[in-house]
Amino acid sequence: MSDLVLSHMIKCSAANYLVSNLDKTNIMNFITKTLSHSILHIGYKEKCVEERVNSKLLSLQIENHINWKNRIEEMIPKLSGACYADRSMVHISYINTLNSIYFAHFHSVMKYGISFGGNSSNSGKIFTLQKKIVRIMAGAQLRTCYRSLNS
């Protein structure tokens, strides 16, 4: 059945003067933790399409369990870099500059990543880094209560 779907997709693409590259085509079988994984064998004209456990689509890491762990692990170095930039600039610049660094390098990455992976159990690491950068911008100590800074 899946072979028929792939065959139909290739024929529709060809009818619109598009070529499908089966060497770069992958399939992904989305499963839950409780569901057992069954291997898919889908092919077209002697070529088998590779099944992937995770893949990158428009710079977004997608996993077959949809737990977003890889996406969050990919975001953490970028967010840590923003924390470092703010920490480096806190003593020599004004709050407006720190806000610009925050919104350009931290908030944009976080907002895009959290909209997809915010439900993940690993997203706590991102919120911890957000608290850290707010403390840096406020000139507060490491253990200062975040809620008192936010109000």
N, C-alpha and C. Protein backbone atom coordinates (compact mmCIF):
# COMPACT_ATOMS: atom_id res chain seq x y z
N MET A 1 0.82 -1.19 0.00
CA MET A 1 0.00 0.00 0.00
C MET A 1 0.87 1.26 0.00
N SER A 2 1.90 1.29 0.85
CA SER A 2 2.79 2.45 0.91
C SER A 2 3.55 2.63 -0.39
N ASP A 3 3.90 1.51 -1.04
CA ASP A 3 4.58 1.60 -2.33
C ASP A 3 3.69 2.30 -3.36
N LEU A 4 2.39 2.04 -3.30
CA LEU A 4 1.45 2.69 -4.22
C LEU A 4 1.39 4.20 -3.97
N VAL A 5 1.41 4.59 -2.71
CA VAL A 5 1.39 6.02 -2.37
C VAL A 5 2.64 6.70 -2.91
N LEU A 6 3.80 6.08 -2.70
CA LEU A 6 5.05 6.65 -3.20
C LEU A 6 5.03 6.72 -4.72
N SER A 7 4.55 5.69 -5.38
CA SER A 7 4.45 5.66 -6.83
C SER A 7 3.54 6.78 -7.33
N HIS A 8 2.42 6.98 -6.66
CA HIS A 8 1.48 8.04 -7.04
C HIS A 8 2.12 9.43 -6.85
N MET A 9 2.85 9.62 -5.76
CA MET A 9 3.52 10.90 -5.52
C MET A 9 4.54 11.19 -6.61
N ILE A 10 5.31 10.20 -7.01
CA ILE A 10 6.32 10.38 -8.05
C ILE A 10 5.67 10.71 -9.38
N LYS A 11 4.56 10.03 -9.69
CA LYS A 11 3.86 10.31 -10.95
C LYS A 11 3.24 11.70 -10.95
N CYS A 12 2.68 12.14 -9.82
CA CYS A 12 2.12 13.50 -9.74
C CYS A 12 3.21 14.54 -9.87
N SER A 13 4.35 14.27 -9.26
CA SER A 13 5.48 15.21 -9.37
C SER A 13 5.94 15.30 -10.81
N ALA A 14 6.05 14.16 -11.48
CA ALA A 14 6.50 14.14 -12.88
C ALA A 14 5.51 14.87 -13.78
N ALA A 15 4.22 14.76 -13.49
CA ALA A 15 3.20 15.44 -14.28
C ALA A 15 3.33 16.96 -14.16
N ASN A 16 3.92 17.42 -13.05
CA ASN A 16 4.14 18.85 -12.83
C ASN A 16 5.60 19.25 -13.10
N TYR A 17 6.29 18.40 -13.85
CA TYR A 17 7.68 18.65 -14.25
C TYR A 17 8.62 18.76 -13.05
N LEU A 18 8.35 17.99 -12.01
CA LEU A 18 9.23 17.91 -10.85
C LEU A 18 9.83 16.52 -10.78
N VAL A 19 11.06 16.43 -10.33
CA VAL A 19 11.74 15.15 -10.24
C VAL A 19 11.96 14.80 -8.77
N SER A 20 11.61 13.59 -8.39
CA SER A 20 11.83 13.11 -7.02
C SER A 20 13.18 12.41 -6.95
N ASN A 21 14.01 12.81 -6.00
CA ASN A 21 15.31 12.19 -5.81
C ASN A 21 15.18 11.17 -4.69
N LEU A 22 15.07 9.90 -5.04
CA LEU A 22 14.88 8.84 -4.04
C LEU A 22 16.13 8.60 -3.21
N ASP A 23 17.29 9.06 -3.68
CA ASP A 23 18.50 8.92 -2.88
C ASP A 23 18.48 9.85 -1.67
N LYS A 24 17.75 10.95 -1.77
CA LYS A 24 17.65 11.90 -0.67
C LYS A 24 16.32 11.82 0.06
N THR A 25 15.45 10.95 -0.37
CA THR A 25 14.12 10.82 0.24
C THR A 25 14.20 9.85 1.41
N ASN A 26 13.58 10.24 2.53
CA ASN A 26 13.54 9.39 3.72
C ASN A 26 12.09 9.26 4.18
N ILE A 27 11.84 8.20 4.93
CA ILE A 27 10.53 8.06 5.55
C ILE A 27 10.71 7.99 7.06
N MET A 28 9.67 8.39 7.77
CA MET A 28 9.72 8.35 9.22
C MET A 28 8.40 7.77 9.72
N ASN A 29 8.51 6.81 10.60
CA ASN A 29 7.35 6.16 11.19
C ASN A 29 7.18 6.72 12.60
N PHE A 30 6.19 7.60 12.80
CA PHE A 30 5.97 8.21 14.11
C PHE A 30 5.29 7.21 15.03
N ILE A 31 5.91 7.03 16.21
CA ILE A 31 5.39 6.04 17.16
C ILE A 31 5.39 6.64 18.57
N THR A 32 4.61 6.05 19.44
CA THR A 32 4.61 6.43 20.85
C THR A 32 5.56 5.50 21.60
N LYS A 33 5.83 5.83 22.84
CA LYS A 33 6.74 4.99 23.63
C LYS A 33 6.16 3.60 23.88
N THR A 34 4.85 3.51 23.96
CA THR A 34 4.21 2.23 24.26
C THR A 34 4.02 1.36 23.03
N LEU A 35 4.04 1.96 21.85
CA LEU A 35 3.83 1.22 20.61
C LEU A 35 5.13 0.59 20.16
N SER A 36 5.08 -0.65 19.73
CA SER A 36 6.29 -1.29 19.25
C SER A 36 6.61 -0.80 17.84
N HIS A 37 7.88 -0.72 17.53
CA HIS A 37 8.34 -0.18 16.26
C HIS A 37 8.32 -1.28 15.21
N SER A 38 7.70 -1.02 14.09
CA SER A 38 7.73 -1.95 12.96
C SER A 38 8.48 -1.28 11.82
N ILE A 39 9.36 -2.02 11.20
CA ILE A 39 10.21 -1.47 10.15
C ILE A 39 9.40 -1.37 8.85
N LEU A 40 9.50 -0.21 8.21
CA LEU A 40 8.80 0.04 6.95
C LEU A 40 9.74 -0.24 5.78
N HIS A 41 9.25 -0.92 4.78
CA HIS A 41 10.00 -1.16 3.55
C HIS A 41 9.19 -0.57 2.40
N ILE A 42 9.62 0.59 1.96
CA ILE A 42 8.92 1.28 0.88
C ILE A 42 9.93 1.53 -0.23
N GLY A 43 9.53 1.20 -1.44
CA GLY A 43 10.44 1.39 -2.56
C GLY A 43 9.70 1.73 -3.83
N TYR A 44 10.50 2.05 -4.84
CA TYR A 44 9.97 2.37 -6.16
C TYR A 44 11.02 2.00 -7.19
N LYS A 45 10.65 1.13 -8.11
CA LYS A 45 11.54 0.70 -9.19
C LYS A 45 12.93 0.28 -8.69
N GLU A 46 12.97 -0.72 -7.90
CA GLU A 46 14.23 -1.31 -7.41
C GLU A 46 14.98 -0.44 -6.40
N LYS A 47 14.45 0.73 -6.02
CA LYS A 47 15.10 1.57 -5.02
C LYS A 47 14.27 1.56 -3.75
N CYS A 48 14.95 1.33 -2.64
CA CYS A 48 14.28 1.31 -1.34
C CYS A 48 14.52 2.65 -0.65
N VAL A 49 13.47 3.22 -0.10
CA VAL A 49 13.58 4.49 0.61
C VAL A 49 14.00 4.20 2.04
N GLU A 50 15.00 4.94 2.52
CA GLU A 50 15.56 4.71 3.86
C GLU A 50 14.63 5.23 4.95
N GLU A 51 14.47 4.42 5.98
CA GLU A 51 13.69 4.85 7.15
C GLU A 51 14.62 5.52 8.14
N ARG A 52 14.20 6.65 8.70
CA ARG A 52 15.02 7.41 9.63
C ARG A 52 14.33 7.48 10.99
N VAL A 53 15.14 7.55 12.03
CA VAL A 53 14.63 7.71 13.39
C VAL A 53 14.48 9.20 13.70
N ASN A 54 15.40 10.02 13.18
CA ASN A 54 15.27 11.47 13.30
C ASN A 54 15.72 12.11 12.00
N SER A 55 15.21 13.29 11.76
CA SER A 55 15.52 13.99 10.52
C SER A 55 15.47 15.48 10.76
N LYS A 56 16.05 16.22 9.85
CA LYS A 56 16.05 17.68 9.94
C LYS A 56 15.19 18.22 8.81
N LEU A 57 14.23 19.06 9.16
CA LEU A 57 13.35 19.69 8.19
C LEU A 57 13.28 21.17 8.50
N LEU A 58 13.75 22.00 7.58
CA LEU A 58 13.78 23.45 7.77
C LEU A 58 14.49 23.82 9.07
N SER A 59 15.64 23.21 9.31
CA SER A 59 16.48 23.38 10.50
C SER A 59 15.78 22.98 11.80
N LEU A 60 14.77 22.15 11.70
CA LEU A 60 14.05 21.67 12.87
C LEU A 60 14.27 20.17 13.00
N GLN A 61 14.82 19.74 14.13
CA GLN A 61 15.05 18.32 14.38
C GLN A 61 13.72 17.64 14.71
N ILE A 62 13.38 16.60 13.98
CA ILE A 62 12.16 15.84 14.22
C ILE A 62 12.55 14.40 14.53
N GLU A 63 11.97 13.85 15.59
CA GLU A 63 12.25 12.47 15.97
C GLU A 63 10.99 11.64 15.83
N ASN A 64 11.18 10.34 15.68
CA ASN A 64 10.00 9.49 15.50
C ASN A 64 9.18 9.33 16.78
N HIS A 65 9.76 9.62 17.94
CA HIS A 65 9.00 9.57 19.20
C HIS A 65 8.38 10.92 19.55
N ILE A 66 8.74 11.93 18.80
CA ILE A 66 8.26 13.32 18.98
C ILE A 66 8.47 13.79 20.42
N ASN A 67 9.70 13.60 20.94
CA ASN A 67 9.99 14.09 22.28
C ASN A 67 10.86 15.34 22.27
N TRP A 68 11.32 15.78 21.11
CA TRP A 68 12.03 17.04 20.91
C TRP A 68 13.37 17.14 21.64
N LYS A 69 13.90 16.03 22.13
CA LYS A 69 15.15 16.07 22.87
C LYS A 69 16.30 16.61 22.01
N ASN A 70 16.41 16.14 20.78
CA ASN A 70 17.49 16.60 19.90
C ASN A 70 17.37 18.09 19.61
N ARG A 71 16.17 18.57 19.41
CA ARG A 71 15.95 19.99 19.12
C ARG A 71 16.40 20.85 20.30
N ILE A 72 16.06 20.43 21.49
CA ILE A 72 16.42 21.20 22.69
C ILE A 72 17.93 21.15 22.91
N GLU A 73 18.53 19.99 22.70
CA GLU A 73 19.99 19.86 22.85
C GLU A 73 20.71 20.71 21.81
N GLU A 74 20.09 20.92 20.66
CA GLU A 74 20.67 21.77 19.62
C GLU A 74 20.56 23.25 19.98
N MET A 75 19.54 23.62 20.73
CA MET A 75 19.31 25.02 21.10
C MET A 75 20.21 25.47 22.25
N ILE A 76 20.56 24.58 23.15
CA ILE A 76 21.27 24.96 24.38
C ILE A 76 22.60 25.68 24.11
N PRO A 77 23.45 25.22 23.17
CA PRO A 77 24.69 25.99 22.92
C PRO A 77 24.42 27.41 22.41
N LYS A 78 23.39 27.58 21.59
CA LYS A 78 23.06 28.92 21.09
C LYS A 78 22.62 29.83 22.24
N LEU A 79 21.80 29.29 23.12
CA LEU A 79 21.31 30.07 24.25
C LEU A 79 22.42 30.36 25.25
N SER A 80 23.31 29.40 25.45
CA SER A 80 24.45 29.62 26.34
C SER A 80 25.37 30.71 25.79
N GLY A 81 25.50 30.76 24.46
CA GLY A 81 26.30 31.81 23.83
C GLY A 81 25.71 33.19 24.08
N ALA A 82 24.39 33.28 24.06
CA ALA A 82 23.73 34.56 24.35
C ALA A 82 23.96 34.96 25.80
N CYS A 83 23.93 33.99 26.72
CA CYS A 83 24.23 34.28 28.13
C CYS A 83 25.65 34.81 28.27
N TYR A 84 26.58 34.20 27.56
CA TYR A 84 27.97 34.63 27.61
C TYR A 84 28.12 36.06 27.06
N ALA A 85 27.43 36.34 25.95
CA ALA A 85 27.50 37.68 25.37
C ALA A 85 26.97 38.73 26.33
N ASP A 86 25.85 38.44 26.98
CA ASP A 86 25.30 39.39 27.96
C ASP A 86 26.24 39.54 29.16
N ARG A 87 26.78 38.42 29.64
CA ARG A 87 27.69 38.48 30.79
C ARG A 87 28.94 39.28 30.46
N SER A 88 29.42 39.17 29.21
CA SER A 88 30.61 39.91 28.79
C SER A 88 30.33 41.40 28.67
N MET A 89 29.10 41.76 28.34
CA MET A 89 28.76 43.16 28.09
C MET A 89 28.14 43.88 29.29
N VAL A 90 27.80 43.16 30.34
CA VAL A 90 27.04 43.75 31.44
C VAL A 90 27.78 44.91 32.13
N HIS A 91 29.09 44.85 32.18
CA HIS A 91 29.85 45.87 32.89
C HIS A 91 30.21 47.07 32.02
N ILE A 92 30.06 46.96 30.71
CA ILE A 92 30.51 48.04 29.82
C ILE A 92 29.40 48.62 28.95
N SER A 93 28.16 48.18 29.16
CA SER A 93 27.09 48.69 28.30
C SER A 93 25.83 48.98 29.10
N TYR A 94 24.90 49.62 28.44
CA TYR A 94 23.62 49.97 29.06
C TYR A 94 22.62 48.83 28.92
N ILE A 95 21.54 48.92 29.67
CA ILE A 95 20.51 47.89 29.66
C ILE A 95 19.87 47.73 28.28
N ASN A 96 19.79 48.81 27.50
CA ASN A 96 19.23 48.71 26.15
C ASN A 96 20.06 47.78 25.26
N THR A 97 21.37 47.85 25.40
CA THR A 97 22.25 46.96 24.64
C THR A 97 22.06 45.52 25.08
N LEU A 98 21.96 45.30 26.39
CA LEU A 98 21.74 43.95 26.91
C LEU A 98 20.40 43.40 26.43
N ASN A 99 19.39 44.26 26.41
CA ASN A 99 18.07 43.84 25.90
C ASN A 99 18.15 43.46 24.42
N SER A 100 18.90 44.21 23.66
CA SER A 100 19.07 43.90 22.23
C SER A 100 19.74 42.56 22.04
N ILE A 101 20.77 42.29 22.82
CA ILE A 101 21.45 40.98 22.75
C ILE A 101 20.48 39.88 23.13
N TYR A 102 19.72 40.11 24.20
CA TYR A 102 18.76 39.11 24.66
C TYR A 102 17.74 38.79 23.57
N PHE A 103 17.12 39.82 23.01
CA PHE A 103 16.06 39.58 22.03
C PHE A 103 16.60 39.04 20.70
N ALA A 104 17.80 39.45 20.32
CA ALA A 104 18.36 38.98 19.05
C ALA A 104 18.89 37.55 19.14
N HIS A 105 19.57 37.24 20.23
CA HIS A 105 20.26 35.96 20.30
C HIS A 105 19.61 34.92 21.21
N PHE A 106 18.81 35.34 22.14
CA PHE A 106 18.21 34.38 23.07
C PHE A 106 16.73 34.19 22.80
N HIS A 107 15.99 35.28 22.87
CA HIS A 107 14.54 35.20 22.78
C HIS A 107 14.06 34.63 21.44
N SER A 108 14.69 35.03 20.35
CA SER A 108 14.28 34.54 19.03
C SER A 108 14.47 33.03 18.91
N VAL A 109 15.61 32.53 19.38
CA VAL A 109 15.88 31.09 19.33
C VAL A 109 14.94 30.35 20.27
N MET A 110 14.76 30.89 21.47
CA MET A 110 13.90 30.23 22.46
C MET A 110 12.45 30.19 22.00
N LYS A 111 11.95 31.29 21.50
CA LYS A 111 10.54 31.35 21.11
C LYS A 111 10.23 30.37 19.98
N TYR A 112 11.09 30.31 18.99
CA TYR A 112 10.90 29.38 17.88
C TYR A 112 11.01 27.93 18.36
N GLY A 113 11.98 27.66 19.23
CA GLY A 113 12.18 26.30 19.71
C GLY A 113 11.11 25.83 20.66
N ILE A 114 10.65 26.72 21.54
CA ILE A 114 9.65 26.34 22.54
C ILE A 114 8.29 26.13 21.90
N SER A 115 8.00 26.87 20.82
CA SER A 115 6.70 26.69 20.18
C SER A 115 6.56 25.26 19.65
N PHE A 116 7.69 24.61 19.33
CA PHE A 116 7.63 23.23 18.88
C PHE A 116 7.89 22.24 20.00
N GLY A 117 8.85 22.52 20.87
CA GLY A 117 9.26 21.54 21.86
C GLY A 117 8.97 21.91 23.29
N GLY A 118 8.05 22.83 23.53
CA GLY A 118 7.77 23.31 24.88
C GLY A 118 7.17 22.27 25.80
N ASN A 119 6.54 21.27 25.24
CA ASN A 119 5.94 20.20 26.05
C ASN A 119 6.96 19.18 26.53
N SER A 120 8.14 19.24 26.00
CA SER A 120 9.16 18.24 26.29
C SER A 120 9.62 18.33 27.74
N SER A 121 9.99 17.19 28.29
CA SER A 121 10.51 17.17 29.65
C SER A 121 11.90 17.83 29.71
N ASN A 122 12.56 17.96 28.57
CA ASN A 122 13.89 18.57 28.51
C ASN A 122 13.84 20.08 28.40
N SER A 123 12.68 20.67 28.24
CA SER A 123 12.58 22.12 28.06
C SER A 123 12.93 22.89 29.34
N GLY A 124 13.00 22.24 30.47
CA GLY A 124 13.39 22.90 31.71
C GLY A 124 14.78 23.50 31.64
N LYS A 125 15.68 22.89 30.85
CA LYS A 125 17.03 23.42 30.69
C LYS A 125 16.99 24.80 30.04
N ILE A 126 16.08 24.98 29.10
CA ILE A 126 15.97 26.26 28.41
C ILE A 126 15.46 27.33 29.36
N PHE A 127 14.46 27.00 30.17
CA PHE A 127 13.92 27.97 31.10
C PHE A 127 14.93 28.32 32.19
N THR A 128 15.78 27.37 32.56
CA THR A 128 16.87 27.65 33.51
C THR A 128 17.85 28.66 32.91
N LEU A 129 18.18 28.49 31.62
CA LEU A 129 19.07 29.46 30.97
C LEU A 129 18.40 30.83 30.85
N GLN A 130 17.09 30.85 30.65
CA GLN A 130 16.39 32.13 30.58
C GLN A 130 16.47 32.86 31.92
N LYS A 131 16.29 32.13 33.00
CA LYS A 131 16.41 32.74 34.33
C LYS A 131 17.83 33.28 34.54
N LYS A 132 18.81 32.53 34.06
CA LYS A 132 20.20 32.94 34.21
C LYS A 132 20.48 34.24 33.48
N ILE A 133 19.99 34.37 32.25
CA ILE A 133 20.26 35.58 31.48
C ILE A 133 19.52 36.78 32.06
N VAL A 134 18.34 36.58 32.62
CA VAL A 134 17.61 37.68 33.26
C VAL A 134 18.37 38.15 34.49
N ARG A 135 18.93 37.22 35.26
CA ARG A 135 19.74 37.60 36.42
C ARG A 135 20.98 38.38 35.98
N ILE A 136 21.60 37.95 34.90
CA ILE A 136 22.79 38.65 34.38
C ILE A 136 22.42 40.08 34.00
N MET A 137 21.31 40.23 33.26
CA MET A 137 20.89 41.56 32.81
C MET A 137 20.52 42.47 33.98
N ALA A 138 19.98 41.88 35.05
CA ALA A 138 19.58 42.67 36.22
C ALA A 138 20.76 42.95 37.14
N GLY A 139 21.91 42.31 36.89
CA GLY A 139 23.07 42.48 37.76
C GLY A 139 22.89 41.78 39.10
N ALA A 140 22.04 40.76 39.12
CA ALA A 140 21.74 40.05 40.36
C ALA A 140 22.70 38.88 40.56
N GLN A 141 22.75 38.39 41.79
CA GLN A 141 23.58 37.23 42.13
C GLN A 141 22.96 35.95 41.55
N LEU A 142 23.77 34.90 41.49
CA LEU A 142 23.35 33.63 40.91
C LEU A 142 22.14 33.03 41.61
N ARG A 143 22.05 33.17 42.91
CA ARG A 143 20.96 32.55 43.69
C ARG A 143 19.79 33.49 43.97
N THR A 144 19.79 34.66 43.40
CA THR A 144 18.70 35.60 43.62
C THR A 144 17.40 35.04 43.06
N CYS A 145 16.31 35.24 43.80
CA CYS A 145 15.02 34.71 43.37
C CYS A 145 14.59 35.37 42.06
N TYR A 146 14.29 34.57 41.08
CA TYR A 146 13.91 35.04 39.76
C TYR A 146 12.62 35.83 39.78
N ARG A 147 11.68 35.40 40.62
CA ARG A 147 10.36 36.07 40.68
C ARG A 147 10.47 37.50 41.16
N SER A 148 11.38 37.78 42.07
CA SER A 148 11.54 39.15 42.55
C SER A 148 12.14 40.05 41.46
N LEU A 149 12.91 39.48 40.55
CA LEU A 149 13.48 40.25 39.43
C LEU A 149 12.44 40.53 38.36
N ASN A 150 11.52 39.63 38.21
CA ASN A 150 10.54 39.67 37.14
C ASN A 150 9.39 40.62 37.42
N SER A 151 9.19 40.99 38.67
CA SER A 151 8.02 41.82 39.00
C SER A 151 8.29 43.30 38.89
